[in-house]
C-alpha cells in the first residue's frame, strides 16, 4: 500500500495532537482537562485559615476523580497551603494559591489581613 501525502499529513497531526495531550496510550489523557479552585478568592486574618477546594473536569466539563492534586502558594510567607487545600494566613498581603493535577492548574487569590484586636 502506497502512502499518500495527505495520509502522512493526517498521521503527523494525529501524533502532534497525542503528544500535546500527554497521552501515553495506557491511561487517561490530560487533553481538555481543567482544574478550578473554589472559592476563587478568600480573605483570612493572620493566624486564621480557610479551606479551598479543587475540581478536575474533563473536556466535556464533567467532574473526574482519582487524580492527585498538588497545592502550592506563590508566597508562602504571606499565605501557606497544605496538601488538603487548607490555607493559613501568615503575614499581611496578597498571594496566589494554586492547585495542579495532570499538567493543568487553577488558582485563587488570597488576601491576608491583620488579626483583629482582642475584645475587651
PDB file of N, CA and C in Angstrom:
ATOM      1  N   UNK A   1       0.842  -1.172   0.000  1.00  0.00           N
ATOM      2  CA  UNK A   1       0.000   0.000   0.000  1.00  0.00           C
ATOM      3  C   UNK A   1       0.889   1.237   0.000  1.00  0.00           C
ATOM      4  N   UNK A   2       0.585   2.150  -0.875  1.00  0.00           N
ATOM      5  CA  UNK A   2       1.393   3.357  -1.026  1.00  0.00           C
ATOM      6  C   UNK A   2       0.797   4.477  -0.179  1.00  0.00           C
ATOM      7  N   UNK A   3       1.645   5.103   0.647  1.00  0.00           N
ATOM      8  CA  UNK A   3       1.192   6.221   1.478  1.00  0.00           C
ATOM      9  C   UNK A   3       1.088   7.474   0.618  1.00  0.00           C
ATOM     10  N   UNK A   4       0.063   8.249   0.866  1.00  0.00           N
ATOM     11  CA  UNK A   4      -0.094   9.499   0.134  1.00  0.00           C
ATOM     12  C   UNK A   4       0.354  10.648   1.015  1.00  0.00           C
ATOM     13  N   UNK A   5       0.617  11.780   0.390  1.00  0.00           N
ATOM     14  CA  UNK A   5       0.999  12.968   1.157  1.00  0.00           C
ATOM     15  C   UNK A   5      -0.104  13.344   2.148  1.00  0.00           C
ATOM     16  N   UNK A   6      -1.320  13.294   1.708  1.00  0.00           N
ATOM     17  CA  UNK A   6      -2.435  13.660   2.572  1.00  0.00           C
ATOM     18  C   UNK A   6      -2.502  12.702   3.769  1.00  0.00           C
ATOM     19  N   UNK A   7      -2.339  11.418   3.542  1.00  0.00           N
ATOM     20  CA  UNK A   7      -2.361  10.439   4.628  1.00  0.00           C
ATOM     21  C   UNK A   7      -1.256  10.683   5.633  1.00  0.00           C
ATOM     22  N   UNK A   8      -0.062  11.020   5.136  1.00  0.00           N
ATOM     23  CA  UNK A   8       1.053  11.314   6.048  1.00  0.00           C
ATOM     24  C   UNK A   8       0.773  12.561   6.866  1.00  0.00           C
ATOM     25  N   UNK A   9       0.120  13.554   6.264  1.00  0.00           N
ATOM     26  CA  UNK A   9      -0.232  14.777   6.993  1.00  0.00           C
ATOM     27  C   UNK A   9      -1.179  14.485   8.142  1.00  0.00           C
ATOM     28  N   UNK A  10      -2.162  13.626   7.899  1.00  0.00           N
ATOM     29  CA  UNK A  10      -3.109  13.248   8.943  1.00  0.00           C
ATOM     30  C   UNK A  10      -2.392  12.524  10.075  1.00  0.00           C
ATOM     31  N   UNK A  11      -1.493  11.618   9.712  1.00  0.00           N
ATOM     32  CA  UNK A  11      -0.734  10.888  10.734  1.00  0.00           C
ATOM     33  C   UNK A  11       0.107  11.849  11.549  1.00  0.00           C
ATOM     34  N   UNK A  12       0.778  12.789  10.885  1.00  0.00           N
ATOM     35  CA  UNK A  12       1.603  13.762  11.621  1.00  0.00           C
ATOM     36  C   UNK A  12       0.764  14.573  12.593  1.00  0.00           C
ATOM     37  N   UNK A  13      -0.383  15.074  12.132  1.00  0.00           N
ATOM     38  CA  UNK A  13      -1.241  15.860  13.016  1.00  0.00           C
ATOM     39  C   UNK A  13      -1.753  15.020  14.177  1.00  0.00           C
ATOM     40  N   UNK A  14      -2.065  13.773  13.912  1.00  0.00           N
ATOM     41  CA  UNK A  14      -2.526  12.891  14.988  1.00  0.00           C
ATOM     42  C   UNK A  14      -1.450  12.672  16.031  1.00  0.00           C
ATOM     43  N   UNK A  15      -0.218  12.499  15.585  1.00  0.00           N
ATOM     44  CA  UNK A  15       0.894  12.317  16.517  1.00  0.00           C
ATOM     45  C   UNK A  15       1.114  13.588  17.319  1.00  0.00           C
ATOM     46  N   UNK A  16       1.042  14.747  16.675  1.00  0.00           N
ATOM     47  CA  UNK A  16       1.204  16.020  17.388  1.00  0.00           C
ATOM     48  C   UNK A  16       0.098  16.208  18.419  1.00  0.00           C
ATOM     49  N   UNK A  17      -1.124  15.880  18.039  1.00  0.00           N
ATOM     50  CA  UNK A  17      -2.243  16.015  18.963  1.00  0.00           C
ATOM     51  C   UNK A  17      -2.052  15.118  20.177  1.00  0.00           C
ATOM     52  N   UNK A  18      -1.674  13.877  19.960  1.00  0.00           N
ATOM     53  CA  UNK A  18      -1.453  12.969  21.085  1.00  0.00           C
ATOM     54  C   UNK A  18      -0.319  13.459  21.972  1.00  0.00           C
ATOM     55  N   UNK A  19       0.750  13.969  21.383  1.00  0.00           N
ATOM     56  CA  UNK A  19       1.877  14.479  22.169  1.00  0.00           C
ATOM     57  C   UNK A  19       1.442  15.703  22.963  1.00  0.00           C
ATOM     58  N   UNK A  20       0.661  16.588  22.363  1.00  0.00           N
ATOM     59  CA  UNK A  20       0.212  17.794  23.056  1.00  0.00           C
ATOM     60  C   UNK A  20      -0.731  17.464  24.200  1.00  0.00           C
ATOM     61  N   UNK A  21      -1.451  16.359  24.088  1.00  0.00           N
ATOM     62  CA  UNK A  21      -2.404  15.980  25.122  1.00  0.00           C
ATOM     63  C   UNK A  21      -1.795  15.064  26.173  1.00  0.00           C
ATOM     64  N   UNK A  22      -0.506  14.752  26.067  1.00  0.00           N
ATOM     65  CA  UNK A  22       0.185  13.914  27.044  1.00  0.00           C
ATOM     66  C   UNK A  22      -0.483  12.552  27.164  1.00  0.00           C
ATOM     67  N   UNK A  23      -0.843  11.963  26.034  1.00  0.00           N
ATOM     68  CA  UNK A  23      -1.483  10.658  26.020  1.00  0.00           C
ATOM     69  C   UNK A  23      -0.425   9.592  25.852  1.00  0.00           C
ATOM     70  N   UNK A  24      -0.413   8.623  26.756  1.00  0.00           N
ATOM     71  CA  UNK A  24       0.598   7.575  26.662  1.00  0.00           C
ATOM     72  C   UNK A  24       0.043   6.269  26.114  1.00  0.00           C
ATOM     73  N   UNK A  25      -1.239   6.242  25.793  1.00  0.00           N
ATOM     74  CA  UNK A  25      -1.833   5.056  25.223  1.00  0.00           C
ATOM     75  C   UNK A  25      -2.281   4.025  26.247  1.00  0.00           C
ATOM     76  N   UNK A  26      -1.950   4.231  27.514  1.00  0.00           N
ATOM     77  CA  UNK A  26      -2.294   3.249  28.539  1.00  0.00           C
ATOM     78  C   UNK A  26      -3.166   3.826  29.642  1.00  0.00           C
ATOM     79  N   UNK A  27      -3.380   5.101  29.656  1.00  0.00           N
ATOM     80  CA  UNK A  27      -4.161   5.706  30.730  1.00  0.00           C
ATOM     81  C   UNK A  27      -4.869   6.937  30.217  1.00  0.00           C
ATOM     82  N   UNK A  28      -5.447   7.700  31.132  1.00  0.00           N
ATOM     83  CA  UNK A  28      -6.203   8.877  30.720  1.00  0.00           C
ATOM     84  C   UNK A  28      -5.289   9.954  30.164  1.00  0.00           C
ATOM     85  N   UNK A  29      -5.828  10.763  29.318  1.00  0.00           N
ATOM     86  CA  UNK A  29      -5.109  11.879  28.728  1.00  0.00           C
ATOM     87  C   UNK A  29      -5.438  13.148  29.498  1.00  0.00           C
ATOM     88  N   UNK A  30      -4.507  14.091  29.530  1.00  0.00           N
ATOM     89  CA  UNK A  30      -4.782  15.373  30.176  1.00  0.00           C
ATOM     90  C   UNK A  30      -5.388  16.359  29.184  1.00  0.00           C
ATOM     91  N   UNK A  31      -5.569  15.948  27.944  1.00  0.00           N
ATOM     92  CA  UNK A  31      -6.108  16.837  26.926  1.00  0.00           C
ATOM     93  C   UNK A  31      -7.523  17.273  27.297  1.00  0.00           C
ATOM     94  N   UNK A  32      -7.734  18.565  27.327  1.00  0.00           N
ATOM     95  CA  UNK A  32      -9.063  19.084  27.608  1.00  0.00           C
ATOM     96  C   UNK A  32      -9.419  19.135  29.075  1.00  0.00           C
ATOM     97  N   UNK A  33      -8.569  18.673  29.941  1.00  0.00           N
ATOM     98  CA  UNK A  33      -8.863  18.716  31.366  1.00  0.00           C
ATOM     99  C   UNK A  33      -8.668  20.138  31.868  1.00  0.00           C
ATOM    100  N   UNK A  34      -9.362  20.454  32.950  1.00  0.00           N
ATOM    101  CA  UNK A  34      -9.176  21.746  33.600  1.00  0.00           C
ATOM    102  C   UNK A  34      -9.258  21.548  35.112  1.00  0.00           C
ATOM    103  N   UNK A  35      -8.628  22.456  35.822  1.00  0.00           N
ATOM    104  CA  UNK A  35      -8.680  22.450  37.282  1.00  0.00           C
ATOM    105  C   UNK A  35      -9.205  23.805  37.716  1.00  0.00           C
ATOM    106  N   UNK A  36     -10.225  23.791  38.563  1.00  0.00           N
ATOM    107  CA  UNK A  36     -10.724  25.041  39.126  1.00  0.00           C
ATOM    108  C   UNK A  36     -10.594  24.981  40.637  1.00  0.00           C
ATOM    109  N   UNK A  37     -10.359  26.147  41.222  1.00  0.00           N
ATOM    110  CA  UNK A  37     -10.237  26.258  42.673  1.00  0.00           C
ATOM    111  C   UNK A  37     -11.397  27.107  43.166  1.00  0.00           C
ATOM    112  N   UNK A  38     -12.046  26.646  44.222  1.00  0.00           N
ATOM    113  CA  UNK A  38     -13.170  27.378  44.800  1.00  0.00           C
ATOM    114  C   UNK A  38     -12.934  27.557  46.301  1.00  0.00           C
ATOM    115  N   UNK A  39     -13.260  28.692  46.835  1.00  0.00           N
ATOM    116  CA  UNK A  39     -13.683  29.883  46.101  1.00  0.00           C
ATOM    117  C   UNK A  39     -12.509  30.496  45.343  1.00  0.00           C
ATOM    118  N   UNK A  40     -12.799  31.334  44.320  1.00  0.00           N
ATOM    119  CA  UNK A  40     -11.715  31.921  43.530  1.00  0.00           C
ATOM    120  C   UNK A  40     -10.934  33.009  44.276  1.00  0.00           C
ATOM    121  N   UNK A  41     -11.476  33.471  45.405  1.00  0.00           N
ATOM    122  CA  UNK A  41     -10.798  34.465  46.240  1.00  0.00           C
ATOM    123  C   UNK A  41     -11.248  34.262  47.678  1.00  0.00           C
ATOM    124  N   UNK A  42     -10.334  34.520  48.604  1.00  0.00           N
ATOM    125  CA  UNK A  42     -10.663  34.396  50.028  1.00  0.00           C
ATOM    126  C   UNK A  42      -9.834  35.397  50.813  1.00  0.00           C
ATOM    127  N   UNK A  43     -10.381  35.829  51.937  1.00  0.00           N
ATOM    128  CA  UNK A  43      -9.678  36.721  52.848  1.00  0.00           C
ATOM    129  C   UNK A  43      -9.581  36.038  54.198  1.00  0.00           C
ATOM    130  N   UNK A  44      -8.382  36.003  54.754  1.00  0.00           N
ATOM    131  CA  UNK A  44      -8.156  35.433  56.078  1.00  0.00           C
ATOM    132  C   UNK A  44      -7.296  36.393  56.869  1.00  0.00           C
ATOM    133  N   UNK A  45      -7.426  36.354  58.178  1.00  0.00           N
ATOM    134  CA  UNK A  45      -6.575  37.149  59.051  1.00  0.00           C
ATOM    135  C   UNK A  45      -5.306  36.355  59.349  1.00  0.00           C
ATOM    136  N   UNK A  46      -4.258  37.050  59.739  1.00  0.00           N
ATOM    137  CA  UNK A  46      -3.020  36.380  60.138  1.00  0.00           C
ATOM    138  C   UNK A  46      -3.350  35.368  61.238  1.00  0.00           C
ATOM    139  N   UNK A  47      -2.889  34.136  61.073  1.00  0.00           N
ATOM    140  CA  UNK A  47      -3.124  33.079  62.055  1.00  0.00           C
ATOM    141  C   UNK A  47      -4.419  32.319  61.864  1.00  0.00           C
ATOM    142  N   UNK A  48      -5.258  32.767  60.949  1.00  0.00           N
ATOM    143  CA  UNK A  48      -6.519  32.076  60.690  1.00  0.00           C
ATOM    144  C   UNK A  48      -6.419  31.308  59.378  1.00  0.00           C
ATOM    145  N   UNK A  49      -7.412  30.439  59.144  1.00  0.00           N
ATOM    146  CA  UNK A  49      -7.345  29.586  57.962  1.00  0.00           C
ATOM    147  C   UNK A  49      -8.653  29.598  57.179  1.00  0.00           C
ATOM    148  N   UNK A  50      -8.551  29.133  55.951  1.00  0.00           N
ATOM    149  CA  UNK A  50      -9.710  28.981  55.068  1.00  0.00           C
ATOM    150  C   UNK A  50      -9.480  27.732  54.231  1.00  0.00           C
ATOM    151  N   UNK A  51     -10.540  27.043  53.874  1.00  0.00           N
ATOM    152  CA  UNK A  51     -10.449  25.824  53.071  1.00  0.00           C
ATOM    153  C   UNK A  51     -10.747  26.154  51.613  1.00  0.00           C
ATOM    154  N   UNK A  52      -9.875  25.663  50.732  1.00  0.00           N
ATOM    155  CA  UNK A  52     -10.111  25.756  49.295  1.00  0.00           C
ATOM    156  C   UNK A  52     -10.369  24.356  48.761  1.00  0.00           C
ATOM    157  N   UNK A  53     -11.077  24.286  47.645  1.00  0.00           N
ATOM    158  CA  UNK A  53     -11.404  23.002  47.021  1.00  0.00           C
ATOM    159  C   UNK A  53     -10.999  23.034  45.560  1.00  0.00           C
ATOM    160  N   UNK A  54     -10.395  21.952  45.096  1.00  0.00           N
ATOM    161  CA  UNK A  54     -10.011  21.829  43.687  1.00  0.00           C
ATOM    162  C   UNK A  54     -10.935  20.827  43.007  1.00  0.00           C
ATOM    163  N   UNK A  55     -11.358  21.163  41.786  1.00  0.00           N
ATOM    164  CA  UNK A  55     -12.197  20.280  40.992  1.00  0.00           C
ATOM    165  C   UNK A  55     -11.530  20.065  39.642  1.00  0.00           C
ATOM    166  N   UNK A  56     -11.376  18.807  39.264  1.00  0.00           N
ATOM    167  CA  UNK A  56     -10.812  18.450  37.966  1.00  0.00           C
ATOM    168  C   UNK A  56     -11.973  18.075  37.051  1.00  0.00           C
ATOM    169  N   UNK A  57     -11.985  18.663  35.852  1.00  0.00           N
ATOM    170  CA  UNK A  57     -13.050  18.391  34.879  1.00  0.00           C
ATOM    171  C   UNK A  57     -12.438  17.928  33.567  1.00  0.00           C
ATOM    172  N   UNK A  58     -13.203  17.108  32.834  1.00  0.00           N
ATOM    173  CA  UNK A  58     -12.749  16.663  31.520  1.00  0.00           C
ATOM    174  C   UNK A  58     -13.147  17.689  30.469  1.00  0.00           C
ATOM    175  N   UNK A  59     -12.850  17.404  29.214  1.00  0.00           N
ATOM    176  CA  UNK A  59     -13.118  18.357  28.134  1.00  0.00           C
ATOM    177  C   UNK A  59     -14.602  18.642  27.952  1.00  0.00           C
ATOM    178  N   UNK A  60     -15.468  17.764  28.436  1.00  0.00           N
ATOM    179  CA  UNK A  60     -16.916  17.984  28.357  1.00  0.00           C
ATOM    180  C   UNK A  60     -17.445  18.725  29.580  1.00  0.00           C
ATOM    181  N   UNK A  61     -16.548  19.068  30.519  1.00  0.00           N
ATOM    182  CA  UNK A  61     -16.973  19.789  31.717  1.00  0.00           C
ATOM    183  C   UNK A  61     -17.451  18.892  32.845  1.00  0.00           C
ATOM    184  N   UNK A  62     -17.322  17.584  32.665  1.00  0.00           N
ATOM    185  CA  UNK A  62     -17.750  16.636  33.687  1.00  0.00           C
ATOM    186  C   UNK A  62     -16.657  16.478  34.744  1.00  0.00           C
ATOM    187  N   UNK A  63     -17.065  16.418  36.004  1.00  0.00           N
ATOM    188  CA  UNK A  63     -16.117  16.221  37.096  1.00  0.00           C
ATOM    189  C   UNK A  63     -15.508  14.832  36.984  1.00  0.00           C
ATOM    190  N   UNK A  64     -14.188  14.756  37.099  1.00  0.00           N
ATOM    191  CA  UNK A  64     -13.487  13.477  37.102  1.00  0.00           C
ATOM    192  C   UNK A  64     -12.734  13.348  38.420  1.00  0.00           C
ATOM    193  N   UNK A  65     -12.643  12.134  38.909  1.00  0.00           N
ATOM    194  CA  UNK A  65     -11.998  11.900  40.198  1.00  0.00           C
ATOM    195  C   UNK A  65     -10.808  10.969  40.019  1.00  0.00           C
ATOM    196  N   UNK A  66     -10.062  10.818  41.091  1.00  0.00           N
ATOM    197  CA  UNK A  66      -8.949   9.888  41.088  1.00  0.00           C
ATOM    198  C   UNK A  66      -7.618  10.507  40.716  1.00  0.00           C
ATOM    199  N   UNK A  67      -7.568  11.811  40.533  1.00  0.00           N
ATOM    200  CA  UNK A  67      -6.324  12.477  40.197  1.00  0.00           C
ATOM    201  C   UNK A  67      -5.712  13.107  41.445  1.00  0.00           C
ATOM    202  N   UNK A  68      -4.412  12.962  41.585  1.00  0.00           N
ATOM    203  CA  UNK A  68      -3.706  13.579  42.711  1.00  0.00           C
ATOM    204  C   UNK A  68      -3.612  15.077  42.454  1.00  0.00           C
ATOM    205  N   UNK A  69      -4.004  15.861  43.452  1.00  0.00           N
ATOM    206  CA  UNK A  69      -3.935  17.319  43.358  1.00  0.00           C
ATOM    207  C   UNK A  69      -2.793  17.792  44.242  1.00  0.00           C
ATOM    208  N   UNK A  70      -1.948  18.642  43.686  1.00  0.00           N
ATOM    209  CA  UNK A  70      -0.850  19.239  44.425  1.00  0.00           C
ATOM    210  C   UNK A  70      -1.165  20.708  44.639  1.00  0.00           C
ATOM    211  N   UNK A  71      -0.995  21.174  45.867  1.00  0.00           N
ATOM    212  CA  UNK A  71      -1.277  22.568  46.225  1.00  0.00           C
ATOM    213  C   UNK A  71       0.021  23.328  46.435  1.00  0.00           C
ATOM    214  N   UNK A  72      -0.007  24.625  46.173  1.00  0.00           N
ATOM    215  CA  UNK A  72       1.151  25.470  46.422  1.00  0.00           C
ATOM    216  C   UNK A  72       0.754  26.926  46.552  1.00  0.00           C
ATOM    217  N   UNK A  73       1.676  27.724  47.072  1.00  0.00           N
ATOM    218  CA  UNK A  73       1.464  29.160  47.240  1.00  0.00           C
ATOM    219  C   UNK A  73       2.609  29.895  46.571  1.00  0.00           C
ATOM    220  N   UNK A  74       2.273  30.971  45.855  1.00  0.00           N
ATOM    221  CA  UNK A  74       3.316  31.790  45.241  1.00  0.00           C
ATOM    222  C   UNK A  74       4.124  32.546  46.289  1.00  0.00           C
ATOM    223  N   UNK A  75       3.555  32.773  47.460  1.00  0.00           N
ATOM    224  CA  UNK A  75       4.245  33.487  48.537  1.00  0.00           C
ATOM    225  C   UNK A  75       3.886  32.843  49.876  1.00  0.00           C
ATOM    226  N   UNK A  76       4.535  31.717  50.206  1.00  0.00           N
ATOM    227  CA  UNK A  76       4.201  31.035  51.454  1.00  0.00           C
ATOM    228  C   UNK A  76       4.480  31.868  52.707  1.00  0.00           C
ATOM    229  N   UNK A  77       5.251  32.936  52.568  1.00  0.00           N
ATOM    230  CA  UNK A  77       5.465  33.841  53.693  1.00  0.00           C
ATOM    231  C   UNK A  77       4.265  34.732  53.947  1.00  0.00           C
ATOM    232  N   UNK A  78       3.328  34.777  52.995  1.00  0.00           N
ATOM    233  CA  UNK A  78       2.081  35.538  53.155  1.00  0.00           C
ATOM    234  C   UNK A  78       0.934  34.606  53.498  1.00  0.00           C
ATOM    235  N   UNK A  79       0.792  33.536  52.739  1.00  0.00           N
ATOM    236  CA  UNK A  79      -0.237  32.525  53.000  1.00  0.00           C
ATOM    237  C   UNK A  79       0.319  31.172  52.588  1.00  0.00           C
ATOM    238  N   UNK A  80       0.259  30.219  53.484  1.00  0.00           N
ATOM    239  CA  UNK A  80       0.708  28.862  53.165  1.00  0.00           C
ATOM    240  C   UNK A  80      -0.514  27.989  52.898  1.00  0.00           C
ATOM    241  N   UNK A  81      -0.285  26.871  52.230  1.00  0.00           N
ATOM    242  CA  UNK A  81      -1.375  25.939  51.954  1.00  0.00           C
ATOM    243  C   UNK A  81      -0.845  24.525  52.122  1.00  0.00           C
ATOM    244  N   UNK A  82      -1.644  23.663  52.757  1.00  0.00           N
ATOM    245  CA  UNK A  82      -1.225  22.265  52.895  1.00  0.00           C
ATOM    246  C   UNK A  82      -1.790  21.458  51.731  1.00  0.00           C
ATOM    247  N   UNK A  83      -1.508  20.176  51.706  1.00  0.00           N
ATOM    248  CA  UNK A  83      -1.905  19.343  50.573  1.00  0.00           C
ATOM    249  C   UNK A  83      -3.386  18.944  50.600  1.00  0.00           C
ATOM    250  N   UNK A  84      -4.145  19.484  51.558  1.00  0.00           N
ATOM    251  CA  UNK A  84      -5.594  19.280  51.561  1.00  0.00           C
ATOM    252  C   UNK A  84      -6.341  20.546  51.141  1.00  0.00           C
ATOM    253  N   UNK A  85      -5.592  21.638  50.832  1.00  0.00           N
ATOM    254  CA  UNK A  85      -6.223  22.890  50.439  1.00  0.00           C
ATOM    255  C   UNK A  85      -6.514  23.823  51.588  1.00  0.00           C
ATOM    256  N   UNK A  86      -5.976  23.546  52.774  1.00  0.00           N
ATOM    257  CA  UNK A  86      -6.177  24.428  53.925  1.00  0.00           C
ATOM    258  C   UNK A  86      -5.143  25.552  53.864  1.00  0.00           C
ATOM    259  N   UNK A  87      -5.633  26.780  53.755  1.00  0.00           N
ATOM    260  CA  UNK A  87      -4.783  27.969  53.641  1.00  0.00           C
ATOM    261  C   UNK A  87      -4.652  28.613  55.016  1.00  0.00           C
ATOM    262  N   UNK A  88      -3.434  29.011  55.364  1.00  0.00           N
ATOM    263  CA  UNK A  88      -3.164  29.681  56.637  1.00  0.00           C
ATOM    264  C   UNK A  88      -2.583  31.057  56.353  1.00  0.00           C
ATOM    265  N   UNK A  89      -3.200  32.096  56.957  1.00  0.00           N
ATOM    266  CA  UNK A  89      -2.668  33.448  56.838  1.00  0.00           C
ATOM    267  C   UNK A  89      -1.401  33.574  57.666  1.00  0.00           C
ATOM    268  N   UNK A  90      -0.294  34.008  57.042  1.00  0.00           N
ATOM    269  CA  UNK A  90       0.995  34.104  57.731  1.00  0.00           C
ATOM    270  C   UNK A  90       1.374  35.560  57.979  1.00  0.00           C
ATOM    271  N   UNK A  91       1.243  36.415  56.975  1.00  0.00           N
ATOM    272  CA  UNK A  91       1.585  37.828  57.101  1.00  0.00           C
ATOM    273  C   UNK A  91       0.661  38.639  56.202  1.00  0.00           C
ATOM    274  N   UNK A  92       0.432  39.890  56.559  1.00  0.00           N
ATOM    275  CA  UNK A  92      -0.468  40.753  55.792  1.00  0.00           C
ATOM    276  C   UNK A  92       0.042  40.883  54.352  1.00  0.00           C
ATOM    277  N   UNK A  93      -0.864  40.719  53.410  1.00  0.00           N
ATOM    278  CA  UNK A  93      -0.517  40.838  51.994  1.00  0.00           C
ATOM    279  C   UNK A  93      -1.470  40.045  51.129  1.00  0.00           C
ATOM    280  N   UNK A  94      -1.071  39.844  49.891  1.00  0.00           N
ATOM    281  CA  UNK A  94      -1.906  39.101  48.939  1.00  0.00           C
ATOM    282  C   UNK A  94      -1.024  38.148  48.142  1.00  0.00           C
ATOM    283  N   UNK A  95      -1.547  36.971  47.846  1.00  0.00           N
ATOM    284  CA  UNK A  95      -0.813  35.995  47.057  1.00  0.00           C
ATOM    285  C   UNK A  95      -1.779  35.131  46.265  1.00  0.00           C
ATOM    286  N   UNK A  96      -1.215  34.281  45.459  1.00  0.00           N
ATOM    287  CA  UNK A  96      -1.987  33.310  44.686  1.00  0.00           C
ATOM    288  C   UNK A  96      -1.689  31.918  45.216  1.00  0.00           C
ATOM    289  N   UNK A  97      -2.746  31.173  45.482  1.00  0.00           N
ATOM    290  CA  UNK A  97      -2.623  29.763  45.861  1.00  0.00           C
ATOM    291  C   UNK A  97      -3.148  28.965  44.679  1.00  0.00           C
ATOM    292  N   UNK A  98      -2.439  27.910  44.318  1.00  0.00           N
ATOM    293  CA  UNK A  98      -2.807  27.132  43.138  1.00  0.00           C
ATOM    294  C   UNK A  98      -2.941  25.655  43.465  1.00  0.00           C
ATOM    295  N   UNK A  99      -3.705  24.998  42.622  1.00  0.00           N
ATOM    296  CA  UNK A  99      -3.874  23.545  42.680  1.00  0.00           C
ATOM    297  C   UNK A  99      -3.566  23.008  41.290  1.00  0.00           C
ATOM    298  N   UNK A 100      -2.794  21.923  41.221  1.00  0.00           N
ATOM    299  CA  UNK A 100      -2.414  21.349  39.929  1.00  0.00           C
ATOM    300  C   UNK A 100      -2.720  19.855  39.905  1.00  0.00           C
ATOM    301  N   UNK A 101      -3.168  19.384  38.754  1.00  0.00           N
ATOM    302  CA  UNK A 101      -3.429  17.956  38.542  1.00  0.00           C
ATOM    303  C   UNK A 101      -3.305  17.672  37.058  1.00  0.00           C
ATOM    304  N   UNK A 102      -2.609  16.603  36.714  1.00  0.00           N
ATOM    305  CA  UNK A 102      -2.497  16.154  35.325  1.00  0.00           C
ATOM    306  C   UNK A 102      -2.013  17.256  34.381  1.00  0.00           C
ATOM    307  N   UNK A 103      -1.066  18.073  34.839  1.00  0.00           N
ATOM    308  CA  UNK A 103      -0.493  19.099  33.984  1.00  0.00           C
ATOM    309  C   UNK A 103      -1.335  20.352  33.825  1.00  0.00           C
ATOM    310  N   UNK A 104      -2.455  20.436  34.519  1.00  0.00           N
ATOM    311  CA  UNK A 104      -3.329  21.604  34.468  1.00  0.00           C
ATOM    312  C   UNK A 104      -3.354  22.237  35.847  1.00  0.00           C
ATOM    313  N   UNK A 105      -3.710  23.523  35.926  1.00  0.00           N
ATOM    314  CA  UNK A 105      -3.789  24.165  37.229  1.00  0.00           C
ATOM    315  C   UNK A 105      -4.879  25.217  37.268  1.00  0.00           C
ATOM    316  N   UNK A 106      -5.301  25.512  38.475  1.00  0.00           N
ATOM    317  CA  UNK A 106      -6.254  26.584  38.735  1.00  0.00           C
ATOM    318  C   UNK A 106      -5.756  27.330  39.953  1.00  0.00           C
ATOM    319  N   UNK A 107      -6.299  28.516  40.201  1.00  0.00           N
ATOM    320  CA  UNK A 107      -5.776  29.299  41.316  1.00  0.00           C
ATOM    321  C   UNK A 107      -6.850  30.119  41.993  1.00  0.00           C
ATOM    322  N   UNK A 108      -6.487  30.626  43.163  1.00  0.00           N
ATOM    323  CA  UNK A 108      -7.343  31.521  43.928  1.00  0.00           C
ATOM    324  C   UNK A 108      -6.465  32.638  44.480  1.00  0.00           C
ATOM    325  N   UNK A 109      -7.040  33.818  44.594  1.00  0.00           N
ATOM    326  CA  UNK A 109      -6.343  34.951  45.184  1.00  0.00           C
ATOM    327  C   UNK A 109      -6.639  34.981  46.679  1.00  0.00           C
ATOM    328  N   UNK A 110      -5.583  35.016  47.472  1.00  0.00           N
ATOM    329  CA  UNK A 110      -5.733  35.037  48.928  1.00  0.00           C
ATOM    330  C   UNK A 110      -5.254  36.379  49.460  1.00  0.00           C
ATOM    331  N   UNK A 111      -6.102  37.032  50.213  1.00  0.00           N
ATOM    332  CA  UNK A 111      -5.755  38.292  50.874  1.00  0.00           C
ATOM    333  C   UNK A 111      -5.652  38.010  52.363  1.00  0.00           C
ATOM    334  N   UNK A 112      -4.522  38.377  52.951  1.00  0.00           N
ATOM    335  CA  UNK A 112      -4.309  38.185  54.383  1.00  0.00           C
ATOM    336  C   UNK A 112      -4.343  39.554  55.056  1.00  0.00           C
ATOM    337  N   UNK A 113      -5.219  39.666  56.036  1.00  0.00           N
ATOM    338  CA  UNK A 113      -5.381  40.929  56.770  1.00  0.00           C
ATOM    339  C   UNK A 113      -4.788  40.793  58.175  1.00  0.00           C
ATOM    340  N   UNK A 114      -4.644  41.945  58.837  1.00  0.00           N
ATOM    341  CA  UNK A 114      -4.149  41.932  60.219  1.00  0.00           C
ATOM    342  C   UNK A 114      -5.182  41.265  61.117  1.00  0.00           C
ATOM    343  N   UNK A 115      -4.690  40.622  62.127  1.00  0.00           N
ATOM    344  CA  UNK A 115      -5.588  39.987  63.089  1.00  0.00           C
ATOM    345  C   UNK A 115      -6.330  41.095  63.848  1.00  0.00           C
ATOM    346  N   UNK A 116      -7.633  40.947  64.006  1.00  0.00           N
ATOM    347  CA  UNK A 116      -8.375  41.989  64.754  1.00  0.00           C
ATOM    348  C   UNK A 116      -7.917  42.020  66.212  1.00  0.00           C
ATOM    349  N   UNK A 117      -7.971  43.196  66.832  1.00  0.00           N
ATOM    350  CA  UNK A 117      -7.557  43.273  68.247  1.00  0.00           C
ATOM    351  C   UNK A 117      -8.488  42.445  69.122  1.00  0.00           C
ATOM    352  N   UNK A 118      -7.979  41.907  70.207  1.00  0.00           N
ATOM    353  CA  UNK A 118      -8.848  41.105  71.096  1.00  0.00           C
ATOM    354  C   UNK A 118      -9.958  41.965  71.703  1.00  0.00           C
ATOM    355  N   UNK A 119     -11.102  41.337  71.907  1.00  0.00           N
ATOM    356  CA  UNK A 119     -12.233  42.037  72.532  1.00  0.00           C
ATOM    357  C   UNK A 119     -11.936  42.254  74.007  1.00  0.00           C
ATOM    358  N   UNK A 120     -12.397  43.375  74.525  1.00  0.00           N
ATOM    359  CA  UNK A 120     -12.177  43.662  75.961  1.00  0.00           C
ATOM    360  C   UNK A 120     -13.094  42.891  76.830  1.00  0.00           C
TER     361      UNK A 120
END
